[in-house]
Amino acid sequence: QVHIVESGGGLVQPGGSLRLSCAVSGFSSNKYGIGWFRQAPGNEREGVGCLDNTDGQTYYAAAVKGRFTISRDSDKNLVYLHMNNLKPEDTGVYYCVADRGVNALRVAATSRLRPGQYEPSYRGQGTQVTVSS
């Protein structure tokens, strides 16, 4: 059974940095992707980026490219979202997902989602990130 647990959210000032962690367990092979999404109150879900666990390639949404980086520690089954130069509009609940359909995940994780568009196979409970002075 696949389990996903995020951690690392909190309050940070504009321009600051934060690192989120995603612990993934239960996959029998490495053929899956890990994605990060976020949702602010009153807004639809928004893709942040994803990592293809088969080759380590990463993909990012335009809104965060150059500021956010996804990395992994394969030995610990952890995927990180490093967030730099944070802005108030980055505020929201960030959640980690896992999906064996890496192509669909890549499209969703680099997009603003319409209602009902893309449901991941597995997702965590989410962690709050608040960017405010």
Foldseek 3Di string as FASTA:
>chain_A
DKDKAKDWADEAAAQAKTKMKIAIDDDPDQQKKKFKWWDAPPFAIAAAKIAGSVPRDIAGAPVQPPFWDWDDDVVRRMIMIIGGRDDQVVWGWMKMAMASPVVLRGVRNRGRDDVPPDDGPGMYPTDTHGHHD
